[in-house]
PDB file of N, CA and C in Angstrom:
ATOM      1  N   MET A   1       0.846  -1.172   0.000  1.00  0.00           N
ATOM      2  CA  MET A   1       0.000   0.000   0.000  1.00  0.00           C
ATOM      3  C   MET A   1       0.899   1.245   0.000  1.00  0.00           C
ATOM      4  N   PRO A   2       0.711   2.152  -0.925  1.00  0.00           N
ATOM      5  CA  PRO A   2       1.524   3.375  -0.941  1.00  0.00           C
ATOM      6  C   PRO A   2       1.130   4.307   0.205  1.00  0.00           C
ATOM      7  N   PHE A   3       2.087   5.078   0.673  1.00  0.00           N
ATOM      8  CA  PHE A   3       1.764   6.015   1.737  1.00  0.00           C
ATOM      9  C   PHE A   3       1.047   7.237   1.174  1.00  0.00           C
ATOM     10  N   HIS A   4       0.272   7.898   2.011  1.00  0.00           N
ATOM     11  CA  HIS A   4      -0.453   9.105   1.621  1.00  0.00           C
ATOM     12  C   HIS A   4       0.393  10.341   1.866  1.00  0.00           C
ATOM     13  N   HIS A   5       0.944  10.465   3.081  1.00  0.00           N
ATOM     14  CA  HIS A   5       1.849  11.566   3.388  1.00  0.00           C
ATOM     15  C   HIS A   5       2.643  11.255   4.651  1.00  0.00           C
ATOM     16  N   ILE A   6       3.705  11.986   4.840  1.00  0.00           N
ATOM     17  CA  ILE A   6       4.560  11.882   6.016  1.00  0.00           C
ATOM     18  C   ILE A   6       4.722  13.283   6.576  1.00  0.00           C
ATOM     19  N   ALA A   7       4.630  13.408   7.888  1.00  0.00           N
ATOM     20  CA  ALA A   7       4.891  14.690   8.543  1.00  0.00           C
ATOM     21  C   ALA A   7       5.866  14.444   9.691  1.00  0.00           C
ATOM     22  N   ILE A   8       6.819  15.344   9.845  1.00  0.00           N
ATOM     23  CA  ILE A   8       7.757  15.240  10.952  1.00  0.00           C
ATOM     24  C   ILE A   8       7.565  16.430  11.875  1.00  0.00           C
ATOM     25  N   ARG A   9       7.862  16.241  13.134  1.00  0.00           N
ATOM     26  CA  ARG A   9       7.786  17.319  14.121  1.00  0.00           C
ATOM     27  C   ARG A   9       9.107  18.052  14.134  1.00  0.00           C
ATOM     28  N   VAL A  10       9.016  19.372  14.160  1.00  0.00           N
ATOM     29  CA  VAL A  10      10.207  20.223  14.181  1.00  0.00           C
ATOM     30  C   VAL A  10      10.097  21.211  15.334  1.00  0.00           C
ATOM     31  N   SER A  11      11.235  21.682  15.806  1.00  0.00           N
ATOM     32  CA  SER A  11      11.231  22.584  16.957  1.00  0.00           C
ATOM     33  C   SER A  11      10.893  24.017  16.580  1.00  0.00           C
ATOM     34  N   ASP A  12      11.099  24.397  15.316  1.00  0.00           N
ATOM     35  CA  ASP A  12      10.864  25.769  14.872  1.00  0.00           C
ATOM     36  C   ASP A  12      10.465  25.729  13.400  1.00  0.00           C
ATOM     37  N   VAL A  13       9.189  25.945  13.111  1.00  0.00           N
ATOM     38  CA  VAL A  13       8.692  25.841  11.725  1.00  0.00           C
ATOM     39  C   VAL A  13       9.357  26.876  10.832  1.00  0.00           C
ATOM     40  N   LYS A  14       9.489  28.111  11.298  1.00  0.00           N
ATOM     41  CA  LYS A  14      10.100  29.158  10.471  1.00  0.00           C
ATOM     42  C   LYS A  14      11.544  28.797  10.109  1.00  0.00           C
ATOM     43  N   LYS A  15      12.320  28.372  11.077  1.00  0.00           N
ATOM     44  CA  LYS A  15      13.711  27.982  10.820  1.00  0.00           C
ATOM     45  C   LYS A  15      13.763  26.764   9.901  1.00  0.00           C
ATOM     46  N   SER A  16      12.881  25.812  10.134  1.00  0.00           N
ATOM     47  CA  SER A  16      12.846  24.620   9.286  1.00  0.00           C
ATOM     48  C   SER A  16      12.494  24.966   7.850  1.00  0.00           C
ATOM     49  N   ARG A  17      11.602  25.945   7.654  1.00  0.00           N
ATOM     50  CA  ARG A  17      11.247  26.353   6.286  1.00  0.00           C
ATOM     51  C   ARG A  17      12.430  26.980   5.562  1.00  0.00           C
ATOM     52  N   GLU A  18      13.318  27.645   6.289  1.00  0.00           N
ATOM     53  CA  GLU A  18      14.518  28.202   5.662  1.00  0.00           C
ATOM     54  C   GLU A  18      15.357  27.098   5.029  1.00  0.00           C
ATOM     55  N   PHE A  19      15.303  25.908   5.609  1.00  0.00           N
ATOM     56  CA  PHE A  19      15.990  24.742   5.052  1.00  0.00           C
ATOM     57  C   PHE A  19      15.122  24.055   4.005  1.00  0.00           C
ATOM     58  N   TYR A  20      13.890  23.689   4.376  1.00  0.00           N
ATOM     59  CA  TYR A  20      13.061  22.849   3.517  1.00  0.00           C
ATOM     60  C   TYR A  20      12.510  23.542   2.279  1.00  0.00           C
ATOM     61  N   ASP A  21      12.135  24.803   2.336  1.00  0.00           N
ATOM     62  CA  ASP A  21      11.554  25.452   1.150  1.00  0.00           C
ATOM     63  C   ASP A  21      12.480  25.354  -0.066  1.00  0.00           C
ATOM     64  N   PRO A  22      13.756  25.767   0.023  1.00  0.00           N
ATOM     65  CA  PRO A  22      14.609  25.644  -1.162  1.00  0.00           C
ATOM     66  C   PRO A  22      14.955  24.203  -1.513  1.00  0.00           C
ATOM     67  N   VAL A  23      15.108  23.356  -0.499  1.00  0.00           N
ATOM     68  CA  VAL A  23      15.438  21.950  -0.757  1.00  0.00           C
ATOM     69  C   VAL A  23      14.276  21.258  -1.462  1.00  0.00           C
ATOM     70  N   MET A  24      13.072  21.454  -0.960  1.00  0.00           N
ATOM     71  CA  MET A  24      11.915  20.812  -1.566  1.00  0.00           C
ATOM     72  C   MET A  24      11.661  21.356  -2.969  1.00  0.00           C
ATOM     73  N   ALA A  25      11.884  22.655  -3.178  1.00  0.00           N
ATOM     74  CA  ALA A  25      11.735  23.224  -4.528  1.00  0.00           C
ATOM     75  C   ALA A  25      12.708  22.560  -5.485  1.00  0.00           C
ATOM     76  N   ALA A  26      13.939  22.350  -5.045  1.00  0.00           N
ATOM     77  CA  ALA A  26      14.934  21.702  -5.903  1.00  0.00           C
ATOM     78  C   ALA A  26      14.576  20.248  -6.190  1.00  0.00           C
ATOM     79  N   ALA A  27      13.848  19.621  -5.272  1.00  0.00           N
ATOM     80  CA  ALA A  27      13.424  18.231  -5.457  1.00  0.00           C
ATOM     81  C   ALA A  27      12.084  18.115  -6.190  1.00  0.00           C
ATOM     82  N   GLY A  28      11.507  19.255  -6.601  1.00  0.00           N
ATOM     83  CA  GLY A  28      10.277  19.236  -7.383  1.00  0.00           C
ATOM     84  C   GLY A  28       9.000  19.394  -6.575  1.00  0.00           C
ATOM     85  N   TYR A  29       9.109  19.973  -5.377  1.00  0.00           N
ATOM     86  CA  TYR A  29       7.951  20.168  -4.505  1.00  0.00           C
ATOM     87  C   TYR A  29       7.725  21.647  -4.240  1.00  0.00           C
ATOM     88  N   GLY A  30       6.468  22.009  -3.992  1.00  0.00           N
ATOM     89  CA  GLY A  30       6.120  23.364  -3.602  1.00  0.00           C
ATOM     90  C   GLY A  30       5.268  23.329  -2.348  1.00  0.00           C
ATOM     91  N   VAL A  31       5.099  24.476  -1.719  1.00  0.00           N
ATOM     92  CA  VAL A  31       4.273  24.548  -0.523  1.00  0.00           C
ATOM     93  C   VAL A  31       2.810  24.433  -0.945  1.00  0.00           C
ATOM     94  N   TYR A  32       2.133  23.440  -0.410  1.00  0.00           N
ATOM     95  CA  TYR A  32       0.712  23.222  -0.688  1.00  0.00           C
ATOM     96  C   TYR A  32      -0.135  24.064   0.258  1.00  0.00           C
ATOM     97  N   TRP A  33       0.240  24.067   1.551  1.00  0.00           N
ATOM     98  CA  TRP A  33      -0.520  24.803   2.556  1.00  0.00           C
ATOM     99  C   TRP A  33       0.384  25.051   3.742  1.00  0.00           C
ATOM    100  N   ALA A  34       0.239  26.214   4.385  1.00  0.00           N
ATOM    101  CA  ALA A  34       1.101  26.517   5.532  1.00  0.00           C
ATOM    102  C   ALA A  34       0.427  27.504   6.473  1.00  0.00           C
ATOM    103  N   ASN A  35       0.765  27.380   7.752  1.00  0.00           N
ATOM    104  CA  ASN A  35       0.461  28.398   8.748  1.00  0.00           C
ATOM    105  C   ASN A  35       1.658  28.449   9.701  1.00  0.00           C
ATOM    106  N   ASP A  36       1.495  29.020  10.869  1.00  0.00           N
ATOM    107  CA  ASP A  36       2.628  29.156  11.786  1.00  0.00           C
ATOM    108  C   ASP A  36       3.094  27.842  12.395  1.00  0.00           C
ATOM    109  N   SER A  37       2.279  26.792  12.331  1.00  0.00           N
ATOM    110  CA  SER A  37       2.655  25.544  12.984  1.00  0.00           C
ATOM    111  C   SER A  37       2.683  24.320  12.072  1.00  0.00           C
ATOM    112  N   ILE A  38       2.261  24.478  10.824  1.00  0.00           N
ATOM    113  CA  ILE A  38       2.230  23.344   9.888  1.00  0.00           C
ATOM    114  C   ILE A  38       2.599  23.831   8.488  1.00  0.00           C
ATOM    115  N   VAL A  39       3.354  23.005   7.782  1.00  0.00           N
ATOM    116  CA  VAL A  39       3.648  23.257   6.360  1.00  0.00           C
ATOM    117  C   VAL A  39       3.500  21.928   5.635  1.00  0.00           C
ATOM    118  N   TYR A  40       2.768  21.927   4.536  1.00  0.00           N
ATOM    119  CA  TYR A  40       2.658  20.738   3.700  1.00  0.00           C
ATOM    120  C   TYR A  40       3.236  21.039   2.328  1.00  0.00           C
ATOM    121  N   TYR A  41       4.026  20.085   1.822  1.00  0.00           N
ATOM    122  CA  TYR A  41       4.639  20.198   0.494  1.00  0.00           C
ATOM    123  C   TYR A  41       4.009  19.171  -0.434  1.00  0.00           C
ATOM    124  N   ALA A  42       3.838  19.572  -1.694  1.00  0.00           N
ATOM    125  CA  ALA A  42       3.261  18.692  -2.704  1.00  0.00           C
ATOM    126  C   ALA A  42       4.130  18.737  -3.956  1.00  0.00           C
ATOM    127  N   PRO A  43       4.091  17.668  -4.758  1.00  0.00           N
ATOM    128  CA  PRO A  43       4.824  17.696  -6.015  1.00  0.00           C
ATOM    129  C   PRO A  43       4.317  18.848  -6.890  1.00  0.00           C
ATOM    130  N   ILE A  44       5.224  19.529  -7.532  1.00  0.00           N
ATOM    131  CA  ILE A  44       4.838  20.634  -8.412  1.00  0.00           C
ATOM    132  C   ILE A  44       3.912  20.130  -9.517  1.00  0.00           C
ATOM    133  N   THR A  45       4.089  18.875  -9.933  1.00  0.00           N
ATOM    134  CA  THR A  45       3.261  18.303 -10.991  1.00  0.00           C
ATOM    135  C   THR A  45       1.860  17.918 -10.510  1.00  0.00           C
ATOM    136  N   ASN A  46       1.662  17.870  -9.197  1.00  0.00           N
ATOM    137  CA  ASN A  46       0.358  17.529  -8.635  1.00  0.00           C
ATOM    138  C   ASN A  46       0.187  18.284  -7.320  1.00  0.00           C
ATOM    139  N   PRO A  47      -0.040  19.607  -7.384  1.00  0.00           N
ATOM    140  CA  PRO A  47       0.014  20.450  -6.197  1.00  0.00           C
ATOM    141  C   PRO A  47      -1.011  20.159  -5.110  1.00  0.00           C
ATOM    142  N   LYS A  48      -2.045  19.390  -5.394  1.00  0.00           N
ATOM    143  CA  LYS A  48      -3.020  19.072  -4.340  1.00  0.00           C
ATOM    144  C   LYS A  48      -2.710  17.750  -3.642  1.00  0.00           C
ATOM    145  N   ALA A  49      -1.695  17.065  -4.081  1.00  0.00           N
ATOM    146  CA  ALA A  49      -1.350  15.761  -3.504  1.00  0.00           C
ATOM    147  C   ALA A  49      -0.184  15.916  -2.533  1.00  0.00           C
ATOM    148  N   PHE A  50      -0.452  16.592  -1.397  1.00  0.00           N
ATOM    149  CA  PHE A  50       0.654  16.810  -0.476  1.00  0.00           C
ATOM    150  C   PHE A  50       1.199  15.474   0.025  1.00  0.00           C
ATOM    151  N   GLU A  51       2.522  15.396   0.135  1.00  0.00           N
ATOM    152  CA  GLU A  51       3.183  14.156   0.517  1.00  0.00           C
ATOM    153  C   GLU A  51       4.043  14.299   1.754  1.00  0.00           C
ATOM    154  N   PHE A  52       4.509  15.526   2.034  1.00  0.00           N
ATOM    155  CA  PHE A  52       5.463  15.709   3.125  1.00  0.00           C
ATOM    156  C   PHE A  52       5.099  16.960   3.902  1.00  0.00           C
ATOM    157  N   GLY A  53       5.188  16.879   5.217  1.00  0.00           N
ATOM    158  CA  GLY A  53       4.830  18.031   6.024  1.00  0.00           C
ATOM    159  C   GLY A  53       5.731  18.219   7.226  1.00  0.00           C
ATOM    160  N   LEU A  54       5.705  19.440   7.734  1.00  0.00           N
ATOM    161  CA  LEU A  54       6.397  19.807   8.963  1.00  0.00           C
ATOM    162  C   LEU A  54       5.326  20.226   9.964  1.00  0.00           C
ATOM    163  N   MET A  55       5.452  19.765  11.194  1.00  0.00           N
ATOM    164  CA  MET A  55       4.493  20.118  12.241  1.00  0.00           C
ATOM    165  C   MET A  55       5.277  20.589  13.461  1.00  0.00           C
ATOM    166  N   LEU A  56       4.825  21.666  14.064  1.00  0.00           N
ATOM    167  CA  LEU A  56       5.496  22.204  15.235  1.00  0.00           C
ATOM    168  C   LEU A  56       5.407  21.223  16.397  1.00  0.00           C
ATOM    169  N   ALA A  57       6.560  20.899  16.973  1.00  0.00           N
ATOM    170  CA  ALA A  57       6.607  20.015  18.135  1.00  0.00           C
ATOM    171  C   ALA A  57       6.136  20.780  19.369  1.00  0.00           C
ATOM    172  N   ASN A  58       5.654  20.033  20.347  1.00  0.00           N
ATOM    173  CA  ASN A  58       5.299  20.620  21.636  1.00  0.00           C
ATOM    174  C   ASN A  58       5.608  19.599  22.724  1.00  0.00           C
ATOM    175  N   SER A  59       5.328  19.912  23.970  1.00  0.00           N
ATOM    176  CA  SER A  59       5.694  19.011  25.062  1.00  0.00           C
ATOM    177  C   SER A  59       4.972  17.666  24.985  1.00  0.00           C
ATOM    178  N   ASP A  60       3.757  17.646  24.422  1.00  0.00           N
ATOM    179  CA  ASP A  60       3.028  16.387  24.266  1.00  0.00           C
ATOM    180  C   ASP A  60       3.534  15.561  23.084  1.00  0.00           C
ATOM    181  N   LYS A  61       4.008  16.253  22.063  1.00  0.00           N
ATOM    182  CA  LYS A  61       4.491  15.592  20.853  1.00  0.00           C
ATOM    183  C   LYS A  61       5.817  16.231  20.456  1.00  0.00           C
ATOM    184  N   PRO A  62       6.910  15.830  21.103  1.00  0.00           N
ATOM    185  CA  PRO A  62       8.203  16.462  20.836  1.00  0.00           C
ATOM    186  C   PRO A  62       8.782  16.070  19.478  1.00  0.00           C
ATOM    187  N   ALA A  63       9.753  16.851  19.049  1.00  0.00           N
ATOM    188  CA  ALA A  63      10.480  16.519  17.824  1.00  0.00           C
ATOM    189  C   ALA A  63      11.282  15.248  18.079  1.00  0.00           C
ATOM    190  N   ALA A  64      11.313  14.361  17.114  1.00  0.00           N
ATOM    191  CA  ALA A  64      12.100  13.133  17.204  1.00  0.00           C
ATOM    192  C   ALA A  64      12.853  12.982  15.898  1.00  0.00           C
ATOM    193  N   LYS A  65      14.022  12.430  15.984  1.00  0.00           N
ATOM    194  CA  LYS A  65      14.828  12.285  14.775  1.00  0.00           C
ATOM    195  C   LYS A  65      14.225  11.215  13.858  1.00  0.00           C
ATOM    196  N   SER A  66      14.158  11.549  12.574  1.00  0.00           N
ATOM    197  CA  SER A  66      13.569  10.671  11.570  1.00  0.00           C
ATOM    198  C   SER A  66      14.533  10.495  10.411  1.00  0.00           C
ATOM    199  N   HIS A  67      14.253   9.503   9.600  1.00  0.00           N
ATOM    200  CA  HIS A  67      14.964   9.322   8.333  1.00  0.00           C
ATOM    201  C   HIS A  67      13.911   9.319   7.240  1.00  0.00           C
ATOM    202  N   ILE A  68      14.100  10.200   6.252  1.00  0.00           N
ATOM    203  CA  ILE A  68      13.168  10.295   5.145  1.00  0.00           C
ATOM    204  C   ILE A  68      13.979  10.342   3.860  1.00  0.00           C
ATOM    205  N   ALA A  69      13.591   9.557   2.874  1.00  0.00           N
ATOM    206  CA  ALA A  69      14.281   9.525   1.588  1.00  0.00           C
ATOM    207  C   ALA A  69      13.360  10.086   0.502  1.00  0.00           C
ATOM    208  N   PHE A  70      13.871  11.055  -0.246  1.00  0.00           N
ATOM    209  CA  PHE A  70      13.147  11.639  -1.364  1.00  0.00           C
ATOM    210  C   PHE A  70      13.763  11.153  -2.667  1.00  0.00           C
ATOM    211  N   ALA A  71      12.924  10.645  -3.557  1.00  0.00           N
ATOM    212  CA  ALA A  71      13.390  10.229  -4.878  1.00  0.00           C
ATOM    213  C   ALA A  71      13.582  11.461  -5.748  1.00  0.00           C
ATOM    214  N   VAL A  72      14.685  11.492  -6.461  1.00  0.00           N
ATOM    215  CA  VAL A  72      14.947  12.576  -7.417  1.00  0.00           C
ATOM    216  C   VAL A  72      15.188  11.956  -8.785  1.00  0.00           C
ATOM    217  N   PRO A  73      14.950  12.733  -9.863  1.00  0.00           N
ATOM    218  CA  PRO A  73      14.950  12.161 -11.208  1.00  0.00           C
ATOM    219  C   PRO A  73      16.292  11.654 -11.740  1.00  0.00           C
ATOM    220  N   SER A  74      17.414  12.182 -11.232  1.00  0.00           N
ATOM    221  CA  SER A  74      18.700  11.784 -11.804  1.00  0.00           C
ATOM    222  C   SER A  74      19.813  11.880 -10.761  1.00  0.00           C
ATOM    223  N   ILE A  75      20.948  11.302 -11.095  1.00  0.00           N
ATOM    224  CA  ILE A  75      22.119  11.408 -10.217  1.00  0.00           C
ATOM    225  C   ILE A  75      22.554  12.863 -10.123  1.00  0.00           C
ATOM    226  N   ASP A  76      22.472  13.607 -11.219  1.00  0.00           N
ATOM    227  CA  ASP A  76      22.802  15.034 -11.173  1.00  0.00           C
ATOM    228  C   ASP A  76      21.899  15.773 -10.191  1.00  0.00           C
ATOM    229  N   ASP A  77      20.633  15.372 -10.109  1.00  0.00           N
ATOM    230  CA  ASP A  77      19.712  15.994  -9.154  1.00  0.00           C
ATOM    231  C   ASP A  77      20.090  15.663  -7.715  1.00  0.00           C
ATOM    232  N   VAL A  78      20.624  14.466  -7.472  1.00  0.00           N
ATOM    233  CA  VAL A  78      21.107  14.116  -6.131  1.00  0.00           C
ATOM    234  C   VAL A  78      22.141  15.144  -5.693  1.00  0.00           C
ATOM    235  N   VAL A  79      23.095  15.427  -6.567  1.00  0.00           N
ATOM    236  CA  VAL A  79      24.164  16.388  -6.255  1.00  0.00           C
ATOM    237  C   VAL A  79      23.591  17.787  -6.083  1.00  0.00           C
ATOM    238  N   SER A  80      22.712  18.190  -6.981  1.00  0.00           N
ATOM    239  CA  SER A  80      22.134  19.527  -6.935  1.00  0.00           C
ATOM    240  C   SER A  80      21.334  19.757  -5.657  1.00  0.00           C
ATOM    241  N   VAL A  81      20.443  18.819  -5.324  1.00  0.00           N
ATOM    242  CA  VAL A  81      19.611  18.984  -4.131  1.00  0.00           C
ATOM    243  C   VAL A  81      20.479  18.926  -2.870  1.00  0.00           C
ATOM    244  N   TYR A  82      21.461  18.047  -2.839  1.00  0.00           N
ATOM    245  CA  TYR A  82      22.395  17.971  -1.704  1.00  0.00           C
ATOM    246  C   TYR A  82      23.077  19.324  -1.500  1.00  0.00           C
ATOM    247  N   ASN A  83      23.594  19.915  -2.577  1.00  0.00           N
ATOM    248  CA  ASN A  83      24.282  21.210  -2.471  1.00  0.00           C
ATOM    249  C   ASN A  83      23.343  22.302  -1.966  1.00  0.00           C
ATOM    250  N   ILE A  84      22.115  22.322  -2.453  1.00  0.00           N
ATOM    251  CA  ILE A  84      21.132  23.305  -1.981  1.00  0.00           C
ATOM    252  C   ILE A  84      20.828  23.070  -0.507  1.00  0.00           C
ATOM    253  N   ALA A  85      20.726  21.815  -0.097  1.00  0.00           N
ATOM    254  CA  ALA A  85      20.467  21.503   1.314  1.00  0.00           C
ATOM    255  C   ALA A  85      21.598  22.008   2.206  1.00  0.00           C
ATOM    256  N   ILE A  86      22.836  21.839   1.778  1.00  0.00           N
ATOM    257  CA  ILE A  86      23.984  22.317   2.551  1.00  0.00           C
ATOM    258  C   ILE A  86      23.975  23.848   2.594  1.00  0.00           C
ATOM    259  N   GLU A  87      23.741  24.482   1.451  1.00  0.00           N
ATOM    260  CA  GLU A  87      23.683  25.950   1.385  1.00  0.00           C
ATOM    261  C   GLU A  87      22.539  26.515   2.225  1.00  0.00           C
ATOM    262  N   SER A  88      21.491  25.717   2.444  1.00  0.00           N
ATOM    263  CA  SER A  88      20.319  26.161   3.197  1.00  0.00           C
ATOM    264  C   SER A  88      20.419  25.844   4.687  1.00  0.00           C
ATOM    265  N   GLY A  89      21.589  25.422   5.125  1.00  0.00           N
ATOM    266  CA  GLY A  89      21.812  25.209   6.552  1.00  0.00           C
ATOM    267  C   GLY A  89      21.884  23.765   6.998  1.00  0.00           C
ATOM    268  N   GLY A  90      21.797  22.831   6.074  1.00  0.00           N
ATOM    269  CA  GLY A  90      21.913  21.421   6.434  1.00  0.00           C
ATOM    270  C   GLY A  90      23.356  21.044   6.743  1.00  0.00           C
ATOM    271  N   THR A  91      23.511  19.910   7.419  1.00  0.00           N
ATOM    272  CA  THR A  91      24.824  19.387   7.777  1.00  0.00           C
ATOM    273  C   THR A  91      25.065  18.096   7.010  1.00  0.00           C
ATOM    274  N   ASP A  92      26.227  17.988   6.400  1.00  0.00           N
ATOM    275  CA  ASP A  92      26.567  16.786   5.645  1.00  0.00           C
ATOM    276  C   ASP A  92      26.449  15.546   6.529  1.00  0.00           C
ATOM    277  N   ASN A  93      25.814  14.523   5.981  1.00  0.00           N
ATOM    278  CA  ASN A  93      25.720  13.232   6.662  1.00  0.00           C
ATOM    279  C   ASN A  93      25.978  12.103   5.669  1.00  0.00           C
ATOM    280  N   GLY A  94      26.644  12.433   4.570  1.00  0.00           N
ATOM    281  CA  GLY A  94      26.958  11.455   3.530  1.00  0.00           C
ATOM    282  C   GLY A  94      26.858  12.089   2.167  1.00  0.00           C
ATOM    283  N   GLU A  95      27.953  12.713   1.745  1.00  0.00           N
ATOM    284  CA  GLU A  95      27.916  13.452   0.480  1.00  0.00           C
ATOM    285  C   GLU A  95      27.788  12.513  -0.707  1.00  0.00           C
ATOM    286  N   PRO A  96      27.277  13.048  -1.813  1.00  0.00           N
ATOM    287  CA  PRO A  96      27.175  12.225  -3.015  1.00  0.00           C
ATOM    288  C   PRO A  96      28.578  11.925  -3.539  1.00  0.00           C
ATOM    289  N   GLY A  97      28.708  10.791  -4.122  1.00  0.00           N
ATOM    290  CA  GLY A  97      29.977  10.391  -4.724  1.00  0.00           C
ATOM    291  C   GLY A  97      29.655   9.460  -5.863  1.00  0.00           C
ATOM    292  N   SER A  98      30.213   8.275  -5.815  1.00  0.00           N
ATOM    293  CA  SER A  98      29.939   7.307  -6.872  1.00  0.00           C
ATOM    294  C   SER A  98      28.573   6.638  -6.676  1.00  0.00           C
ATOM    295  N   ARG A  99      27.980   6.819  -5.505  1.00  0.00           N
ATOM    296  CA  ARG A  99      26.676   6.223  -5.244  1.00  0.00           C
ATOM    297  C   ARG A  99      25.554   7.138  -5.742  1.00  0.00           C
ATOM    298  N   GLU A 100      24.353   6.632  -5.734  1.00  0.00           N
ATOM    299  CA  GLU A 100      23.218   7.381  -6.270  1.00  0.00           C
ATOM    300  C   GLU A 100      22.404   8.054  -5.185  1.00  0.00           C
ATOM    301  N   LYS A 101      23.039   8.393  -4.060  1.00  0.00           N
ATOM    302  CA  LYS A 101      22.303   9.020  -2.972  1.00  0.00           C
ATOM    303  C   LYS A 101      23.223   9.912  -2.153  1.00  0.00           C
ATOM    304  N   ALA A 102      22.580  10.785  -1.355  1.00  0.00           N
ATOM    305  CA  ALA A 102      23.292  11.682  -0.457  1.00  0.00           C
ATOM    306  C   ALA A 102      22.430  11.898   0.776  1.00  0.00           C
ATOM    307  N   PHE A 103      23.072  12.274   1.884  1.00  0.00           N
ATOM    308  CA  PHE A 103      22.372  12.451   3.154  1.00  0.00           C
ATOM    309  C   PHE A 103      22.737  13.798   3.768  1.00  0.00           C
ATOM    310  N   VAL A 104      21.724  14.463   4.341  1.00  0.00           N
ATOM    311  CA  VAL A 104      21.910  15.751   5.012  1.00  0.00           C
ATOM    312  C   VAL A 104      21.069  15.729   6.287  1.00  0.00           C
ATOM    313  N   LEU A 105      21.610  16.302   7.367  1.00  0.00           N
ATOM    314  CA  LEU A 105      20.834  16.483   8.589  1.00  0.00           C
ATOM    315  C   LEU A 105      20.204  17.866   8.552  1.00  0.00           C
ATOM    316  N   ASP A 106      18.899  17.948   8.875  1.00  0.00           N
ATOM    317  CA  ASP A 106      18.257  19.256   8.956  1.00  0.00           C
ATOM    318  C   ASP A 106      18.556  19.888  10.316  1.00  0.00           C
ATOM    319  N   CYS A 107      17.941  21.020  10.625  1.00  0.00           N
ATOM    320  CA  CYS A 107      18.253  21.750  11.857  1.00  0.00           C
ATOM    321  C   CYS A 107      17.795  21.023  13.125  1.00  0.00           C
ATOM    322  N   ASP A 108      16.949  20.002  13.000  1.00  0.00           N
ATOM    323  CA  ASP A 108      16.543  19.207  14.155  1.00  0.00           C
ATOM    324  C   ASP A 108      17.245  17.849  14.189  1.00  0.00           C
ATOM    325  N   GLY A 109      18.167  17.612  13.265  1.00  0.00           N
ATOM    326  CA  GLY A 109      18.894  16.348  13.242  1.00  0.00           C
ATOM    327  C   GLY A 109      18.209  15.237  12.478  1.00  0.00           C
ATOM    328  N   ASN A 110      17.129  15.555  11.743  1.00  0.00           N
ATOM    329  CA  ASN A 110      16.493  14.547  10.895  1.00  0.00           C
ATOM    330  C   ASN A 110      17.419  14.216   9.741  1.00  0.00           C
ATOM    331  N   ASN A 111      17.537  12.930   9.426  1.00  0.00           N
ATOM    332  CA  ASN A 111      18.396  12.473   8.341  1.00  0.00           C
ATOM    333  C   ASN A 111      17.589  12.459   7.044  1.00  0.00           C
ATOM    334  N   ILE A 112      17.906  13.393   6.160  1.00  0.00           N
ATOM    335  CA  ILE A 112      17.181  13.535   4.900  1.00  0.00           C
ATOM    336  C   ILE A 112      18.050  12.964   3.783  1.00  0.00           C
ATOM    337  N   GLU A 113      17.493  12.017   3.056  1.00  0.00           N
ATOM    338  CA  GLU A 113      18.213  11.342   1.978  1.00  0.00           C
ATOM    339  C   GLU A 113      17.617  11.757   0.642  1.00  0.00           C
ATOM    340  N   PHE A 114      18.491  11.957  -0.328  1.00  0.00           N
ATOM    341  CA  PHE A 114      18.083  12.203  -1.713  1.00  0.00           C
ATOM    342  C   PHE A 114      18.659  11.052  -2.527  1.00  0.00           C
ATOM    343  N   ILE A 115      17.790  10.356  -3.248  1.00  0.00           N
ATOM    344  CA  ILE A 115      18.224   9.139  -3.925  1.00  0.00           C
ATOM    345  C   ILE A 115      17.656   9.070  -5.341  1.00  0.00           C
ATOM    346  N   HIS A 116      18.506   8.623  -6.240  1.00  0.00           N
ATOM    347  CA  HIS A 116      18.045   8.292  -7.593  1.00  0.00           C
ATOM    348  C   HIS A 116      18.182   6.796  -7.711  1.00  0.00           C
ATOM    349  N   SER A 117      17.073   6.128  -7.852  1.00  0.00           N
ATOM    350  CA  SER A 117      17.081   4.684  -7.933  1.00  0.00           C
ATOM    351  C   SER A 117      15.915   4.259  -8.791  1.00  0.00           C
ATOM    352  N   VAL A 118      16.181   3.348  -9.677  1.00  0.00           N
ATOM    353  CA  VAL A 118      15.112   2.798 -10.516  1.00  0.00           C
ATOM    354  C   VAL A 118      14.502   1.621  -9.785  1.00  0.00           C
ATOM    355  N   ARG A 119      13.204   1.721  -9.510  1.00  0.00           N
ATOM    356  CA  ARG A 119      12.499   0.607  -8.864  1.00  0.00           C
ATOM    357  C   ARG A 119      11.818  -0.215  -9.931  1.00  0.00           C
ATOM    358  N   GLU A 120      11.963  -1.509  -9.801  1.00  0.00           N
ATOM    359  CA  GLU A 120      11.332  -2.403 -10.780  1.00  0.00           C
ATOM    360  C   GLU A 120      10.254  -3.224 -10.142  1.00  0.00           C
TER     361      GLU A 120
END
């Protein structure tokens, strides 16, 4: 069964958007809906099909470290999105090289992966 959407808890939505807005744009996503405590991103090709979101953490539902992998169209896109993620405040957690993926930690320590892989 395919997933509908994923949302992660973050400690500061505004700060997280400084990282995620340019990274998600480079990966082919735009902001579908946002307020001060929630942001949902959707594929630019299907803007009503939000797939990924940020939700403000609180004492009842704190931020927890997650691993999320985003598919990108090519190996060149892996490098491009990784570079944008680093420029947007991410921390290297596995730079692209001969492999088809790269890893960056966001401002809350979530491990964000960008991968080009053909699924059969």
